[in-house]
Amino acid sequence: MAEPHVLSVDALLQRVETIFERAGVRRESAKAVAGVIVAGERDSCKSHGIYRIEGCLKVLAAGKVEPNAVPQLHDAGTSVIEVDAGGGFSNPAFHAARDLLAERTRANGIAALVIRDCLHFSALWHDVEALAEEGLASLSMCPSYSFVAPAGGTEQLLGTNPFAFGWPRPGGDPYVFDFATSVAARGEIELHRRAGTPIPEGWAIDRDGNPTTDPDAALDGAMLTFGGHKGSAISTMIELLAGAMLGEFMSKEALDFMGGTALLPRHGALVIALDPRTFAARSGRDPLAEGETLLTAIGAQGARLPSERRFAARRKAMRDGIALSEAELAQLDRFEKDGLAAVGA
């Protein structure tokens, strides 16, 4: 077996930035997109790491994302801030509003960011971690494509509809969870398909509504929500809050707009930020200290907090670098050399 190739986080970041710039993406957007892709690889989130480069390039090649879009901030001075991504990537849009969102949240105790018309491919923990660095709690959510059957149903209707939460922890990594409301992220099924391995039972049904462990049949059929009717209800909530309420696409509309599942989706996104100190101001108690009481008690039982493995992987990668297979490195070389031609532009 070939030895893995190790790149520093900064070296990989520079390579991925270069790939997107050579594909025609404006420098600021290329930097934001590369940042979240490399962060996924750094944190051992392979389904949101360099695996995502090809999908982004395919959307660029198809002309379904605006490479030079400059996010437009709309601020009416209320607790709701809007950023129009202009058909560009979601990540530059979040960066454009991050500071104002934090400022408005500290002023009012709560504020929301609406991101409009964005190409969304990344995990949501980037958003809530960034706000936790500001001492804020937050929720982030968005629809996706209608890959998922509602509980009791057999046809694709809901998205994988990810949902993330972040809570600041003084002197340590924030408490963060980020998960699809489907049993697994669709990217995980795709990775099983590429590897030629079966998916776990309970992830999906085939086009006839029968349970399947065949990743090809799963991708042709429908994914399932976690927790049965509970996950289905949370997924529906996300469709309503991050789709219908914003006047943006819900998952079925996003799929219809792009004309199939071969390309990444365009839709909106919602981020809600909260200042714990504002909410606790009249209580006389320190909300972050109270939070630590709970979180340390969980750890004292031997239970693992969500994202602990991800943070451990991050520390290792920052120290030792990121290991890539020969095939992954060859793909980076091809993308860097051939640009959009590497995906059939």
Protein backbone atom coordinates (compact mmCIF):
# COMPACT_ATOMS: atom_id res chain seq x y z
CA MET A 1 0.00 0.00 0.00
CA ALA A 2 1.34 3.42 -0.98
CA GLU A 3 2.33 5.74 1.81
CA PRO A 4 0.05 8.78 2.22
CA HIS A 5 1.31 12.21 1.17
CA VAL A 6 1.35 14.77 3.97
CA LEU A 7 0.70 18.47 3.34
CA SER A 8 0.61 21.24 5.89
CA VAL A 9 -2.76 22.90 6.40
CA ASP A 10 -1.41 26.12 4.88
CA ALA A 11 0.02 24.30 1.86
CA LEU A 12 -3.26 22.55 1.15
CA LEU A 13 -5.14 25.81 1.61
CA GLN A 14 -2.93 27.52 -0.94
CA ARG A 15 -3.45 24.71 -3.44
CA VAL A 16 -7.23 24.73 -3.11
CA GLU A 17 -7.36 28.53 -3.36
CA THR A 18 -5.31 28.31 -6.55
CA ILE A 19 -7.68 25.71 -8.02
CA PHE A 20 -10.68 27.99 -7.56
CA GLU A 21 -8.93 31.13 -8.76
CA ARG A 22 -7.83 29.31 -11.93
CA ALA A 23 -11.44 28.19 -12.36
CA GLY A 24 -12.44 31.87 -12.54
CA VAL A 25 -13.62 32.48 -8.99
CA ARG A 26 -12.80 35.94 -7.64
CA ARG A 27 -9.98 35.88 -5.11
CA GLU A 28 -12.04 36.75 -2.01
CA SER A 29 -14.60 34.05 -2.77
CA ALA A 30 -11.91 31.49 -3.64
CA LYS A 31 -10.31 32.12 -0.26
CA ALA A 32 -13.61 31.67 1.61
CA VAL A 33 -14.54 28.49 -0.29
CA ALA A 34 -11.08 26.99 0.08
CA GLY A 35 -11.12 27.81 3.78
CA VAL A 36 -14.17 25.68 4.54
CA ILE A 37 -13.05 22.82 2.29
CA VAL A 38 -9.62 22.61 3.89
CA ALA A 39 -11.18 22.97 7.35
CA GLY A 40 -13.28 19.89 6.60
CA GLU A 41 -10.21 17.91 5.53
CA ARG A 42 -8.22 19.21 8.51
CA ASP A 43 -10.94 18.09 10.92
CA SER A 44 -11.25 14.64 9.29
CA CYS A 45 -14.70 15.44 7.89
CA LYS A 46 -13.94 13.76 4.58
CA SER A 47 -17.46 14.20 3.21
CA HIS A 48 -16.97 17.99 3.38
CA GLY A 49 -13.27 18.14 2.59
CA ILE A 50 -11.47 18.08 -0.76
CA TYR A 51 -14.14 15.65 -1.98
CA ARG A 52 -16.28 18.80 -2.44
CA ILE A 53 -13.91 20.47 -4.91
CA GLU A 54 -15.14 18.44 -7.87
CA GLY A 55 -18.79 19.27 -7.13
CA CYS A 56 -18.00 22.97 -6.93
CA LEU A 57 -16.08 22.88 -10.20
CA LYS A 58 -18.94 21.07 -11.92
CA VAL A 59 -21.37 23.81 -10.91
CA LEU A 60 -18.94 26.43 -12.18
CA ALA A 61 -18.51 24.55 -15.46
CA ALA A 62 -22.29 24.32 -15.87
CA GLY A 63 -22.69 28.07 -15.29
CA LYS A 64 -25.01 27.48 -12.32
CA VAL A 65 -23.00 29.58 -9.84
CA GLU A 66 -21.72 33.13 -10.29
CA PRO A 67 -17.92 33.03 -9.84
CA ASN A 68 -17.57 36.80 -9.54
CA ALA A 69 -20.60 37.45 -7.35
CA VAL A 70 -19.98 40.07 -4.66
CA PRO A 71 -22.28 39.60 -1.64
CA GLN A 72 -24.62 42.54 -1.11
CA LEU A 73 -25.41 43.42 2.50
CA HIS A 74 -28.88 44.81 3.26
CA ASP A 75 -29.23 46.32 6.72
CA ALA A 76 -32.42 48.10 7.79
CA GLY A 77 -31.13 48.53 11.34
CA THR A 78 -33.32 45.74 12.74
CA SER A 79 -32.46 42.37 14.21
CA VAL A 80 -32.79 40.77 10.77
CA ILE A 81 -29.81 41.25 8.46
CA GLU A 82 -29.85 40.10 4.85
CA VAL A 83 -27.06 39.22 2.47
CA ASP A 84 -27.80 38.59 -1.17
CA ALA A 85 -25.20 36.10 -2.39
CA GLY A 86 -26.18 36.88 -5.98
CA GLY A 87 -26.02 33.25 -7.03
CA GLY A 88 -22.51 32.93 -5.62
CA PHE A 89 -21.14 30.67 -2.93
CA SER A 90 -22.62 30.88 0.56
CA ASN A 91 -19.31 31.19 2.39
CA PRO A 92 -18.34 34.70 1.18
CA ALA A 93 -21.88 35.83 1.99
CA PHE A 94 -21.56 34.68 5.60
CA HIS A 95 -18.16 36.34 5.92
CA ALA A 96 -19.59 39.60 4.57
CA ALA A 97 -22.15 39.75 7.39
CA ARG A 98 -20.37 38.03 10.27
CA ASP A 99 -19.13 41.16 12.05
CA LEU A 100 -22.43 43.02 11.72
CA LEU A 101 -24.37 39.97 12.91
CA ALA A 102 -22.20 39.74 16.04
CA GLU A 103 -22.51 43.47 16.68
CA ARG A 104 -26.29 43.46 16.26
CA THR A 105 -26.63 40.39 18.48
CA ARG A 106 -24.69 42.02 21.31
CA ALA A 107 -26.80 45.18 20.95
CA ASN A 108 -30.20 43.41 20.95
CA GLY A 109 -29.53 40.04 22.53
CA ILE A 110 -30.64 38.21 19.40
CA ALA A 111 -30.24 38.73 15.65
CA ALA A 112 -30.74 36.69 12.50
CA LEU A 113 -28.86 36.51 9.23
CA VAL A 114 -30.73 35.68 6.04
CA ILE A 115 -28.50 34.53 3.17
CA ARG A 116 -30.30 34.71 -0.16
CA ASP A 117 -29.69 32.86 -3.42
CA CYS A 118 -26.50 31.05 -2.55
CA LEU A 119 -24.73 27.93 -3.76
CA HIS A 120 -24.42 25.89 -0.57
CA PHE A 121 -22.12 22.89 -0.19
CA SER A 122 -20.30 23.26 3.12
CA ALA A 123 -20.88 22.02 6.65
CA LEU A 124 -22.56 24.49 8.99
CA TRP A 125 -20.19 24.20 11.92
CA HIS A 126 -18.02 26.90 10.36
CA ASP A 127 -20.79 29.44 10.98
CA VAL A 128 -21.53 28.54 14.58
CA GLU A 129 -17.85 28.18 15.51
CA ALA A 130 -17.16 31.65 14.15
CA LEU A 131 -19.94 33.09 16.30
CA ALA A 132 -18.83 31.11 19.36
CA GLU A 133 -15.47 32.87 18.98
CA GLU A 134 -17.46 36.08 19.54
CA GLY A 135 -18.96 34.68 22.77
CA LEU A 136 -22.32 34.03 21.09
CA ALA A 137 -24.58 31.01 20.88
CA SER A 138 -26.07 30.33 17.48
CA LEU A 139 -28.16 28.11 15.24
CA SER A 140 -27.56 27.59 11.53
CA MET A 141 -29.76 25.72 9.08
CA CYS A 142 -30.61 25.37 5.42
CA PRO A 143 -32.60 23.15 3.03
CA SER A 144 -30.82 21.14 0.36
CA TYR A 145 -32.20 18.86 -2.36
CA SER A 146 -35.27 16.68 -1.88
CA PHE A 147 -33.38 13.43 -1.36
CA VAL A 148 -35.26 12.32 1.75
CA ALA A 149 -38.63 10.66 2.29
CA PRO A 150 -40.74 11.94 5.21
CA ALA A 151 -41.45 9.44 7.98
CA GLY A 152 -44.03 6.97 6.67
CA GLY A 153 -43.49 8.08 3.08
CA THR A 154 -41.60 6.52 0.20
CA GLU A 155 -40.79 9.43 -2.13
CA GLN A 156 -38.14 12.14 -2.01
CA LEU A 157 -39.58 15.36 -0.60
CA LEU A 158 -37.41 16.74 2.21
CA GLY A 159 -33.78 17.74 2.03
CA THR A 160 -30.95 16.32 4.08
CA ASN A 161 -31.49 19.67 5.83
CA PRO A 162 -28.49 20.18 8.10
CA PHE A 163 -28.79 21.89 11.47
CA ALA A 164 -25.95 23.21 13.64
CA PHE A 165 -25.67 24.71 17.12
CA GLY A 166 -22.73 26.39 18.80
CA TRP A 167 -22.15 27.44 22.42
CA PRO A 168 -19.05 29.36 23.56
CA ARG A 169 -16.79 27.80 26.20
CA PRO A 170 -14.26 30.08 27.91
CA GLY A 171 -10.74 28.85 27.38
CA GLY A 172 -11.70 25.79 25.36
CA ASP A 173 -13.27 24.45 22.21
CA PRO A 174 -16.92 25.47 21.82
CA TYR A 175 -19.76 23.02 22.21
CA VAL A 176 -20.79 22.35 18.61
CA PHE A 177 -23.02 19.90 16.87
CA ASP A 178 -23.77 19.79 13.17
CA PHE A 179 -25.77 17.04 11.57
CA ALA A 180 -28.01 16.28 8.67
CA THR A 181 -31.60 15.52 9.63
CA SER A 182 -31.29 12.51 7.33
CA VAL A 183 -29.67 9.46 8.93
CA ALA A 184 -26.42 10.39 7.18
CA ALA A 185 -25.16 13.09 4.86
CA ARG A 186 -25.67 12.26 1.18
CA GLY A 187 -21.93 12.68 0.71
CA GLU A 188 -21.38 9.71 3.01
CA ILE A 189 -23.47 7.49 0.70
CA GLU A 190 -21.51 8.78 -2.28
CA LEU A 191 -18.24 7.90 -0.54
CA HIS A 192 -19.55 4.35 0.04
CA ARG A 193 -20.50 4.16 -3.65
CA ARG A 194 -17.02 5.22 -4.74
CA ALA A 195 -15.43 2.72 -2.35
CA GLY A 196 -17.74 -0.10 -3.46
CA THR A 197 -18.91 -0.76 0.09
CA PRO A 198 -22.48 -1.19 1.39
CA ILE A 199 -24.15 1.51 3.47
CA PRO A 200 -25.46 0.65 6.94
CA GLU A 201 -29.00 -0.63 7.29
CA GLY A 202 -31.59 2.03 7.99
CA TRP A 203 -30.00 4.76 5.89
CA ALA A 204 -32.16 4.53 2.78
CA ILE A 205 -34.83 2.83 0.72
CA ASP A 206 -34.77 1.94 -2.97
CA ARG A 207 -37.12 3.41 -5.58
CA ASP A 208 -39.77 0.81 -4.67
CA GLY A 209 -39.68 1.77 -0.99
CA ASN A 210 -37.72 -1.28 0.16
CA PRO A 211 -34.83 -1.00 2.66
CA THR A 212 -31.43 -1.17 0.94
CA THR A 213 -27.74 -1.26 1.77
CA ASP A 214 -26.72 -0.72 -1.88
CA PRO A 215 -25.43 2.86 -2.24
CA ASP A 216 -26.47 3.00 -5.92
CA ALA A 217 -30.02 1.91 -5.05
CA ALA A 218 -30.06 4.39 -2.18
CA LEU A 219 -29.03 7.28 -4.42
CA ASP A 220 -31.74 6.22 -6.89
CA GLY A 221 -34.33 5.82 -4.14
CA ALA A 222 -34.72 7.97 -1.03
CA MET A 223 -32.77 8.60 2.14
CA LEU A 224 -34.41 8.36 5.56
CA THR A 225 -34.55 10.83 8.44
CA PHE A 226 -32.86 10.06 11.73
CA GLY A 227 -35.17 9.12 14.57
CA GLY A 228 -38.15 8.36 12.35
CA HIS A 229 -40.96 10.86 12.84
CA LYS A 230 -38.84 13.07 15.14
CA GLY A 231 -36.18 13.68 12.52
CA SER A 232 -38.88 14.12 9.91
CA ALA A 233 -40.49 16.88 12.01
CA ILE A 234 -37.18 18.68 12.53
CA SER A 235 -36.41 18.44 8.82
CA THR A 236 -39.82 19.92 8.02
CA MET A 237 -39.16 22.75 10.48
CA ILE A 238 -35.96 23.58 8.61
CA GLU A 239 -37.81 23.61 5.28
CA LEU A 240 -40.24 26.11 6.79
CA LEU A 241 -37.76 28.36 8.63
CA ALA A 242 -34.89 28.39 6.12
CA GLY A 243 -37.04 28.07 2.99
CA ALA A 244 -40.66 29.17 3.19
CA MET A 245 -40.13 31.85 5.86
CA LEU A 246 -37.29 33.45 3.91
CA GLY A 247 -39.11 33.36 0.59
CA GLU A 248 -36.30 31.15 -0.71
CA PHE A 249 -36.35 27.71 -2.34
CA MET A 250 -37.38 24.70 -0.32
CA SER A 251 -35.63 21.44 -1.18
CA LYS A 252 -38.05 20.33 -3.90
CA GLU A 253 -37.87 23.74 -5.59
CA ALA A 254 -34.07 23.74 -5.40
CA LEU A 255 -34.00 20.38 -7.14
CA ASP A 256 -36.40 21.53 -9.85
CA PHE A 257 -34.36 24.73 -10.40
CA MET A 258 -31.10 22.86 -10.96
CA GLY A 259 -32.80 20.20 -13.09
CA GLY A 260 -31.34 17.18 -11.31
CA THR A 261 -28.99 16.01 -8.59
CA ALA A 262 -25.74 16.15 -10.57
CA LEU A 263 -25.01 19.71 -9.38
CA LEU A 264 -24.86 21.29 -5.94
CA PRO A 265 -28.01 23.17 -4.86
CA ARG A 266 -28.86 26.86 -4.77
CA HIS A 267 -31.21 28.08 -2.04
CA GLY A 268 -31.15 30.29 1.06
CA ALA A 269 -29.83 29.84 4.59
CA LEU A 270 -30.68 31.09 8.07
CA VAL A 271 -28.35 31.82 10.98
CA ILE A 272 -29.75 32.90 14.37
CA ALA A 273 -27.31 34.32 16.92
CA LEU A 274 -27.97 34.85 20.64
CA ASP A 275 -25.98 36.62 23.36
CA PRO A 276 -26.14 34.46 26.51
CA ARG A 277 -25.17 37.36 28.76
CA THR A 278 -28.10 39.45 27.55
CA PHE A 279 -30.57 36.67 28.23
CA ALA A 280 -29.14 36.02 31.71
CA ALA A 281 -28.52 39.67 32.66
CA ARG A 282 -31.29 39.96 35.27
CA SER A 283 -30.69 36.52 36.76
CA GLY A 284 -27.48 37.37 38.52
CA ARG A 285 -25.90 34.18 37.14
CA ASP A 286 -23.12 33.69 34.62
CA PRO A 287 -24.63 31.72 31.70
CA LEU A 288 -21.27 30.47 30.46
CA ALA A 289 -20.31 29.23 33.92
CA GLU A 290 -23.69 27.51 34.20
CA GLY A 291 -23.08 25.93 30.83
CA GLU A 292 -19.72 24.63 31.98
CA THR A 293 -21.40 22.94 34.94
CA LEU A 294 -23.50 20.91 32.53
CA LEU A 295 -20.84 20.20 29.93
CA THR A 296 -18.19 19.12 32.44
CA ALA A 297 -20.74 16.88 34.14
CA ILE A 298 -21.36 15.14 30.81
CA GLY A 299 -17.65 14.54 30.38
CA ALA A 300 -17.32 13.34 33.98
CA GLN A 301 -19.60 10.42 33.10
CA GLY A 302 -17.24 9.37 30.35
CA ALA A 303 -19.59 10.62 27.64
CA ARG A 304 -18.10 12.29 24.58
CA LEU A 305 -19.29 15.74 23.60
CA PRO A 306 -20.11 16.26 19.92
CA SER A 307 -17.19 17.52 17.83
CA GLU A 308 -14.56 16.35 20.33
CA ARG A 309 -13.11 13.94 17.77
CA ARG A 310 -13.18 16.68 15.17
CA PHE A 311 -11.26 19.08 17.43
CA ALA A 312 -8.74 16.32 18.22
CA ALA A 313 -8.28 15.69 14.49
CA ARG A 314 -7.77 19.44 14.01
CA ARG A 315 -5.01 19.60 16.61
CA LYS A 316 -3.26 16.62 15.03
CA ALA A 317 -3.51 18.10 11.54
CA MET A 318 -2.19 21.46 12.67
CA ARG A 319 0.75 19.66 14.29
CA ASP A 320 1.47 16.87 11.80
CA GLY A 321 -0.19 17.98 8.57
CA ILE A 322 -2.97 16.46 6.48
CA ALA A 323 -2.47 13.02 4.96
CA LEU A 324 -3.80 12.58 1.42
CA SER A 325 -3.86 9.43 -0.66
CA GLU A 326 -2.04 9.18 -3.96
CA ALA A 327 -5.39 9.35 -5.78
CA GLU A 328 -6.43 12.47 -3.86
CA LEU A 329 -3.14 14.19 -4.60
CA ALA A 330 -3.40 13.24 -8.28
CA GLN A 331 -6.88 14.74 -8.40
CA LEU A 332 -5.59 17.99 -6.88
CA ASP A 333 -2.82 18.05 -9.49
CA ARG A 334 -5.37 17.56 -12.28
CA PHE A 335 -7.73 20.25 -10.97
CA GLU A 336 -4.85 22.69 -10.54
CA LYS A 337 -3.46 21.99 -14.02
CA ASP A 338 -6.64 21.64 -16.07
CA GLY A 339 -9.17 23.78 -14.19
CA LEU A 340 -12.74 23.38 -15.41
CA ALA A 341 -11.55 21.13 -18.22
CA ALA A 342 -10.88 18.50 -15.55
CA VAL A 343 -14.63 18.12 -15.02
CA GLY A 344 -15.62 18.22 -18.64
CA ALA A 345 -16.17 21.93 -19.23
